Amino acid sequence: MNLIDVSLEQEEEKLLLKNEDITIEVPSKIGKLIQSRSQDNEIVLGIRPEDITIDHKRGEEAEVYVVEPMGMQVLVTVKLGNLQIKVLTAPPFTKKMGEKVKLHFNVNKIHLFDKKTERSLLLN
């Protein structure tokens, strides 16, 4: 699982999980749950490689760092600012090291943890 330190921030009507390298808009239902359960909005975002897609039209721009063909799947490590994120995708994957891709995070599949207590913010 990719683990990323973020904070919950509100900009206008949007609730965002954000750090210097990444910004992910979350549905208001998830945002309000985080606000009610987090001690100080310092959060660890967890997302599995299979819950991130490489999208050509939208998302966070990242740089391909490592491509690992694994038969029916390809494990791609990308650099997003100072972060290294693993993405599981289907072949063929034709991008080479150093090329740019866009990442889309499935916000319905994220895991969120309070940074201090390490407790899940989404589970009862």
N, C-alpha and C. Protein backbone atom coordinates (compact mmCIF):
# COMPACT_ATOMS: atom_id res chain seq x y z
N MET A 1 0.85 -1.18 0.00
CA MET A 1 0.00 0.00 0.00
C MET A 1 0.90 1.24 0.00
N ASN A 2 0.49 2.22 -0.79
CA ASN A 2 1.16 3.51 -0.78
C ASN A 2 0.67 4.29 0.44
N LEU A 3 1.59 4.81 1.24
CA LEU A 3 1.23 5.61 2.41
C LEU A 3 1.81 7.01 2.24
N ILE A 4 0.92 8.00 2.33
CA ILE A 4 1.31 9.38 2.03
C ILE A 4 0.79 10.30 3.15
N ASP A 5 1.68 11.08 3.74
CA ASP A 5 1.27 12.07 4.74
C ASP A 5 0.58 13.24 4.05
N VAL A 6 -0.63 13.55 4.50
CA VAL A 6 -1.41 14.66 3.94
C VAL A 6 -2.11 15.39 5.07
N SER A 7 -2.70 16.51 4.75
CA SER A 7 -3.58 17.20 5.69
C SER A 7 -4.89 17.49 4.98
N LEU A 8 -5.93 17.60 5.76
CA LEU A 8 -7.25 17.94 5.21
C LEU A 8 -7.37 19.45 5.19
N GLU A 9 -7.66 20.01 4.02
CA GLU A 9 -7.80 21.46 3.88
C GLU A 9 -9.08 21.76 3.12
N GLN A 10 -9.65 22.90 3.44
CA GLN A 10 -10.85 23.33 2.72
C GLN A 10 -10.49 24.54 1.87
N GLU A 11 -10.83 24.46 0.60
CA GLU A 11 -10.65 25.58 -0.32
C GLU A 11 -11.99 25.82 -1.00
N GLU A 12 -12.58 26.96 -0.70
CA GLU A 12 -13.93 27.28 -1.15
C GLU A 12 -14.87 26.18 -0.67
N GLU A 13 -15.55 25.51 -1.57
CA GLU A 13 -16.48 24.46 -1.18
C GLU A 13 -15.86 23.07 -1.22
N LYS A 14 -14.58 22.98 -1.58
CA LYS A 14 -13.94 21.68 -1.76
C LYS A 14 -13.15 21.27 -0.52
N LEU A 15 -13.19 19.97 -0.21
CA LEU A 15 -12.33 19.40 0.83
C LEU A 15 -11.23 18.63 0.13
N LEU A 16 -9.99 18.92 0.52
CA LEU A 16 -8.83 18.36 -0.17
C LEU A 16 -7.90 17.65 0.79
N LEU A 17 -7.35 16.52 0.34
CA LEU A 17 -6.22 15.88 1.00
C LEU A 17 -5.00 16.40 0.27
N LYS A 18 -4.08 17.00 1.02
CA LYS A 18 -3.05 17.78 0.34
C LYS A 18 -1.72 17.69 1.07
N ASN A 19 -0.64 17.72 0.28
CA ASN A 19 0.70 18.00 0.78
C ASN A 19 1.43 18.76 -0.32
N GLU A 20 2.72 18.94 -0.21
CA GLU A 20 3.44 19.75 -1.21
C GLU A 20 3.47 19.10 -2.59
N ASP A 21 3.20 17.79 -2.67
CA ASP A 21 3.31 17.07 -3.94
C ASP A 21 1.97 16.64 -4.54
N ILE A 22 0.92 16.62 -3.74
CA ILE A 22 -0.32 15.99 -4.20
C ILE A 22 -1.53 16.75 -3.67
N THR A 23 -2.59 16.75 -4.46
CA THR A 23 -3.88 17.31 -4.04
C THR A 23 -4.96 16.38 -4.54
N ILE A 24 -5.77 15.86 -3.61
CA ILE A 24 -6.86 14.96 -3.97
C ILE A 24 -8.15 15.50 -3.37
N GLU A 25 -9.13 15.76 -4.22
CA GLU A 25 -10.43 16.21 -3.73
C GLU A 25 -11.20 15.01 -3.21
N VAL A 26 -11.80 15.17 -2.03
CA VAL A 26 -12.58 14.08 -1.45
C VAL A 26 -14.05 14.49 -1.38
N PRO A 27 -14.95 13.52 -1.51
CA PRO A 27 -16.38 13.84 -1.37
C PRO A 27 -16.65 14.44 0.01
N SER A 28 -17.63 15.32 0.09
CA SER A 28 -17.90 16.00 1.36
C SER A 28 -18.23 15.02 2.48
N LYS A 29 -18.86 13.90 2.15
CA LYS A 29 -19.19 12.89 3.17
C LYS A 29 -17.92 12.37 3.84
N ILE A 30 -16.91 12.06 3.04
CA ILE A 30 -15.64 11.58 3.59
C ILE A 30 -14.95 12.71 4.35
N GLY A 31 -14.95 13.90 3.79
CA GLY A 31 -14.31 15.05 4.44
C GLY A 31 -14.90 15.34 5.81
N LYS A 32 -16.21 15.31 5.92
CA LYS A 32 -16.86 15.58 7.20
C LYS A 32 -16.56 14.49 8.22
N LEU A 33 -16.47 13.24 7.75
CA LEU A 33 -16.11 12.14 8.63
C LEU A 33 -14.69 12.33 9.17
N ILE A 34 -13.78 12.73 8.30
CA ILE A 34 -12.40 12.99 8.71
C ILE A 34 -12.37 14.11 9.74
N GLN A 35 -13.08 15.20 9.47
CA GLN A 35 -13.08 16.34 10.38
C GLN A 35 -13.59 15.95 11.76
N SER A 36 -14.57 15.07 11.81
CA SER A 36 -15.15 14.69 13.11
C SER A 36 -14.27 13.69 13.86
N ARG A 37 -13.41 12.96 13.16
CA ARG A 37 -12.63 11.90 13.82
C ARG A 37 -11.15 12.20 13.97
N SER A 38 -10.63 13.11 13.19
CA SER A 38 -9.20 13.42 13.25
C SER A 38 -8.93 14.44 14.35
N GLN A 39 -7.81 14.25 15.05
CA GLN A 39 -7.48 15.17 16.13
C GLN A 39 -7.02 16.52 15.60
N ASP A 40 -6.26 16.53 14.51
CA ASP A 40 -5.72 17.81 14.04
C ASP A 40 -5.59 17.89 12.52
N ASN A 41 -6.32 17.06 11.81
CA ASN A 41 -6.32 17.04 10.33
C ASN A 41 -5.00 16.60 9.72
N GLU A 42 -4.08 16.06 10.53
CA GLU A 42 -2.85 15.45 10.00
C GLU A 42 -3.16 13.98 9.78
N ILE A 43 -3.08 13.55 8.53
CA ILE A 43 -3.62 12.26 8.11
C ILE A 43 -2.60 11.50 7.30
N VAL A 44 -2.69 10.17 7.38
CA VAL A 44 -1.93 9.31 6.48
C VAL A 44 -2.93 8.71 5.50
N LEU A 45 -2.70 8.99 4.23
CA LEU A 45 -3.52 8.45 3.15
C LEU A 45 -2.92 7.13 2.71
N GLY A 46 -3.72 6.09 2.69
CA GLY A 46 -3.28 4.79 2.18
C GLY A 46 -4.08 4.46 0.94
N ILE A 47 -3.37 4.04 -0.10
CA ILE A 47 -4.07 3.63 -1.32
C ILE A 47 -3.27 2.52 -1.99
N ARG A 48 -3.97 1.46 -2.35
CA ARG A 48 -3.32 0.31 -2.97
C ARG A 48 -2.96 0.61 -4.43
N PRO A 49 -1.89 -0.01 -4.92
CA PRO A 49 -1.47 0.22 -6.31
C PRO A 49 -2.58 -0.03 -7.33
N GLU A 50 -3.46 -1.00 -7.06
CA GLU A 50 -4.53 -1.31 -8.02
C GLU A 50 -5.66 -0.28 -7.98
N ASP A 51 -5.65 0.62 -7.00
CA ASP A 51 -6.69 1.64 -6.90
C ASP A 51 -6.25 3.00 -7.45
N ILE A 52 -5.11 2.98 -8.14
CA ILE A 52 -4.62 4.16 -8.85
C ILE A 52 -4.57 3.79 -10.32
N THR A 53 -5.09 4.65 -11.17
CA THR A 53 -5.02 4.36 -12.60
C THR A 53 -4.18 5.43 -13.30
N ILE A 54 -3.55 4.99 -14.37
CA ILE A 54 -2.81 5.91 -15.21
C ILE A 54 -3.78 6.39 -16.27
N ASP A 55 -4.03 7.70 -16.25
CA ASP A 55 -5.05 8.31 -17.09
C ASP A 55 -4.35 9.34 -17.97
N HIS A 56 -4.70 9.39 -19.21
CA HIS A 56 -4.02 10.31 -20.13
C HIS A 56 -4.62 11.71 -20.13
N LYS A 57 -5.80 11.87 -19.54
CA LYS A 57 -6.49 13.15 -19.64
C LYS A 57 -6.53 13.95 -18.35
N ARG A 58 -6.57 13.28 -17.21
CA ARG A 58 -6.75 14.01 -15.95
C ARG A 58 -5.91 13.39 -14.85
N GLY A 59 -5.68 14.16 -13.82
CA GLY A 59 -4.98 13.64 -12.66
C GLY A 59 -3.69 14.36 -12.37
N GLU A 60 -3.00 13.83 -11.39
CA GLU A 60 -1.72 14.39 -10.95
C GLU A 60 -0.63 13.95 -11.91
N GLU A 61 0.18 14.89 -12.38
CA GLU A 61 1.26 14.53 -13.31
C GLU A 61 2.42 13.92 -12.54
N ALA A 62 2.91 12.79 -13.03
CA ALA A 62 4.02 12.07 -12.41
C ALA A 62 4.98 11.60 -13.48
N GLU A 63 6.16 11.20 -13.05
CA GLU A 63 7.20 10.73 -13.96
C GLU A 63 7.44 9.24 -13.74
N VAL A 64 7.46 8.48 -14.82
CA VAL A 64 7.73 7.05 -14.73
C VAL A 64 9.16 6.85 -14.22
N TYR A 65 9.30 6.02 -13.19
CA TYR A 65 10.60 5.78 -12.57
C TYR A 65 11.07 4.35 -12.80
N VAL A 66 10.19 3.37 -12.57
CA VAL A 66 10.52 1.95 -12.78
C VAL A 66 9.30 1.27 -13.38
N VAL A 67 9.53 0.38 -14.35
CA VAL A 67 8.47 -0.42 -14.95
C VAL A 67 8.83 -1.89 -14.74
N GLU A 68 7.94 -2.63 -14.04
CA GLU A 68 8.19 -4.04 -13.75
C GLU A 68 7.08 -4.90 -14.35
N PRO A 69 7.28 -5.47 -15.55
CA PRO A 69 6.29 -6.39 -16.11
C PRO A 69 6.18 -7.63 -15.22
N MET A 70 4.94 -8.01 -14.91
CA MET A 70 4.69 -9.16 -14.05
C MET A 70 3.66 -10.09 -14.68
N GLY A 71 3.83 -10.41 -15.95
CA GLY A 71 2.88 -11.28 -16.63
C GLY A 71 1.60 -10.55 -16.98
N MET A 72 0.53 -10.85 -16.25
CA MET A 72 -0.78 -10.27 -16.55
C MET A 72 -0.94 -8.84 -16.03
N GLN A 73 0.08 -8.34 -15.30
CA GLN A 73 0.04 -6.99 -14.77
C GLN A 73 1.41 -6.34 -14.90
N VAL A 74 1.42 -5.02 -14.78
CA VAL A 74 2.67 -4.27 -14.79
C VAL A 74 2.67 -3.39 -13.54
N LEU A 75 3.73 -3.50 -12.74
CA LEU A 75 3.88 -2.64 -11.57
C LEU A 75 4.76 -1.47 -11.98
N VAL A 76 4.19 -0.28 -11.91
CA VAL A 76 4.88 0.94 -12.33
C VAL A 76 5.13 1.80 -11.09
N THR A 77 6.38 2.18 -10.89
CA THR A 77 6.71 3.13 -9.83
C THR A 77 6.89 4.48 -10.49
N VAL A 78 6.19 5.47 -9.96
CA VAL A 78 6.27 6.83 -10.51
C VAL A 78 6.76 7.78 -9.43
N LYS A 79 7.37 8.86 -9.88
CA LYS A 79 7.76 9.94 -8.98
C LYS A 79 6.74 11.06 -9.11
N LEU A 80 6.23 11.47 -7.99
CA LEU A 80 5.29 12.58 -7.93
C LEU A 80 5.89 13.56 -6.92
N GLY A 81 6.64 14.53 -7.42
CA GLY A 81 7.40 15.40 -6.53
C GLY A 81 8.44 14.58 -5.79
N ASN A 82 8.39 14.61 -4.46
CA ASN A 82 9.31 13.82 -3.64
C ASN A 82 8.79 12.43 -3.34
N LEU A 83 7.59 12.11 -3.78
CA LEU A 83 6.97 10.81 -3.49
C LEU A 83 7.30 9.80 -4.57
N GLN A 84 7.39 8.54 -4.16
CA GLN A 84 7.41 7.42 -5.10
C GLN A 84 6.14 6.63 -4.85
N ILE A 85 5.35 6.45 -5.90
CA ILE A 85 4.05 5.80 -5.79
C ILE A 85 4.02 4.61 -6.72
N LYS A 86 3.49 3.49 -6.22
CA LYS A 86 3.37 2.27 -7.02
C LYS A 86 1.96 2.19 -7.59
N VAL A 87 1.88 1.85 -8.87
CA VAL A 87 0.62 1.73 -9.60
C VAL A 87 0.61 0.38 -10.29
N LEU A 88 -0.49 -0.35 -10.17
CA LEU A 88 -0.64 -1.63 -10.85
C LEU A 88 -1.55 -1.42 -12.05
N THR A 89 -1.06 -1.78 -13.23
CA THR A 89 -1.82 -1.55 -14.46
C THR A 89 -1.73 -2.78 -15.35
N ALA A 90 -2.55 -2.80 -16.38
CA ALA A 90 -2.56 -3.93 -17.32
C ALA A 90 -1.59 -3.65 -18.47
N PRO A 91 -0.98 -4.72 -19.00
CA PRO A 91 -0.14 -4.53 -20.19
C PRO A 91 -1.03 -4.26 -21.40
N PRO A 92 -0.55 -3.71 -22.46
CA PRO A 92 0.83 -3.24 -22.58
C PRO A 92 0.98 -1.87 -21.95
N PHE A 93 2.10 -1.65 -21.30
CA PHE A 93 2.44 -0.33 -20.76
C PHE A 93 3.65 0.14 -21.54
N THR A 94 3.48 1.18 -22.34
CA THR A 94 4.51 1.57 -23.30
C THR A 94 5.37 2.75 -22.86
N LYS A 95 5.03 3.38 -21.76
CA LYS A 95 5.82 4.53 -21.30
C LYS A 95 7.18 4.05 -20.79
N LYS A 96 8.17 4.89 -20.97
CA LYS A 96 9.54 4.59 -20.55
C LYS A 96 9.93 5.47 -19.36
N MET A 97 11.01 5.08 -18.70
CA MET A 97 11.53 5.84 -17.58
C MET A 97 11.74 7.30 -17.99
N GLY A 98 11.25 8.21 -17.15
CA GLY A 98 11.40 9.63 -17.42
C GLY A 98 10.22 10.26 -18.13
N GLU A 99 9.35 9.45 -18.74
CA GLU A 99 8.18 10.00 -19.42
C GLU A 99 7.10 10.36 -18.41
N LYS A 100 6.25 11.29 -18.80
CA LYS A 100 5.18 11.78 -17.92
C LYS A 100 3.90 10.97 -18.11
N VAL A 101 3.21 10.77 -16.99
CA VAL A 101 1.89 10.14 -16.99
C VAL A 101 1.01 10.93 -16.02
N LYS A 102 -0.28 10.69 -16.07
CA LYS A 102 -1.20 11.30 -15.12
C LYS A 102 -1.83 10.20 -14.28
N LEU A 103 -1.93 10.46 -12.99
CA LEU A 103 -2.48 9.48 -12.05
C LEU A 103 -3.86 9.90 -11.59
N HIS A 104 -4.75 8.93 -11.53
CA HIS A 104 -6.08 9.17 -10.99
C HIS A 104 -6.26 8.26 -9.78
N PHE A 105 -6.58 8.86 -8.63
CA PHE A 105 -6.76 8.11 -7.39
C PHE A 105 -8.25 7.84 -7.19
N ASN A 106 -8.61 6.57 -7.01
CA ASN A 106 -10.00 6.21 -6.76
C ASN A 106 -10.32 6.55 -5.30
N VAL A 107 -10.97 7.69 -5.07
CA VAL A 107 -11.21 8.14 -3.70
C VAL A 107 -12.19 7.24 -2.95
N ASN A 108 -12.91 6.40 -3.66
CA ASN A 108 -13.80 5.46 -2.98
C ASN A 108 -13.04 4.26 -2.42
N LYS A 109 -11.76 4.16 -2.73
CA LYS A 109 -10.95 3.03 -2.26
C LYS A 109 -9.82 3.45 -1.32
N ILE A 110 -9.80 4.73 -0.92
CA ILE A 110 -8.71 5.18 -0.07
C ILE A 110 -8.91 4.72 1.37
N HIS A 111 -7.81 4.66 2.09
CA HIS A 111 -7.80 4.38 3.53
C HIS A 111 -7.18 5.61 4.18
N LEU A 112 -7.77 6.05 5.28
CA LEU A 112 -7.27 7.25 5.95
C LEU A 112 -7.04 6.94 7.42
N PHE A 113 -5.88 7.37 7.91
CA PHE A 113 -5.50 7.09 9.29
C PHE A 113 -5.10 8.39 9.98
N ASP A 114 -5.47 8.52 11.25
CA ASP A 114 -5.00 9.65 12.04
C ASP A 114 -3.50 9.47 12.24
N LYS A 115 -2.73 10.47 11.93
CA LYS A 115 -1.27 10.36 11.97
C LYS A 115 -0.76 10.08 13.38
N LYS A 116 -1.38 10.66 14.39
CA LYS A 116 -0.91 10.47 15.77
C LYS A 116 -1.34 9.13 16.36
N THR A 117 -2.61 8.79 16.21
CA THR A 117 -3.13 7.58 16.85
C THR A 117 -3.02 6.35 15.96
N GLU A 118 -2.83 6.55 14.66
CA GLU A 118 -2.78 5.49 13.65
C GLU A 118 -4.11 4.75 13.49
N ARG A 119 -5.17 5.29 14.05
CA ARG A 119 -6.49 4.68 13.93
C ARG A 119 -7.12 5.05 12.60
N SER A 120 -7.90 4.11 12.06
CA SER A 120 -8.61 4.38 10.82
C SER A 120 -9.66 5.46 11.04
N LEU A 121 -9.75 6.38 10.11
CA LEU A 121 -10.75 7.44 10.20
C LEU A 121 -12.03 7.08 9.46
N LEU A 122 -12.00 6.01 8.70
CA LEU A 122 -13.17 5.65 7.89
C LEU A 122 -13.92 4.44 8.42
N LEU A 123 -13.29 3.66 9.29
CA LEU A 123 -13.95 2.49 9.84
C LEU A 123 -14.59 2.84 11.18
N ASN A 124 -15.70 2.18 11.48
CA ASN A 124 -16.37 2.42 12.77
C ASN A 124 -15.63 1.73 13.88
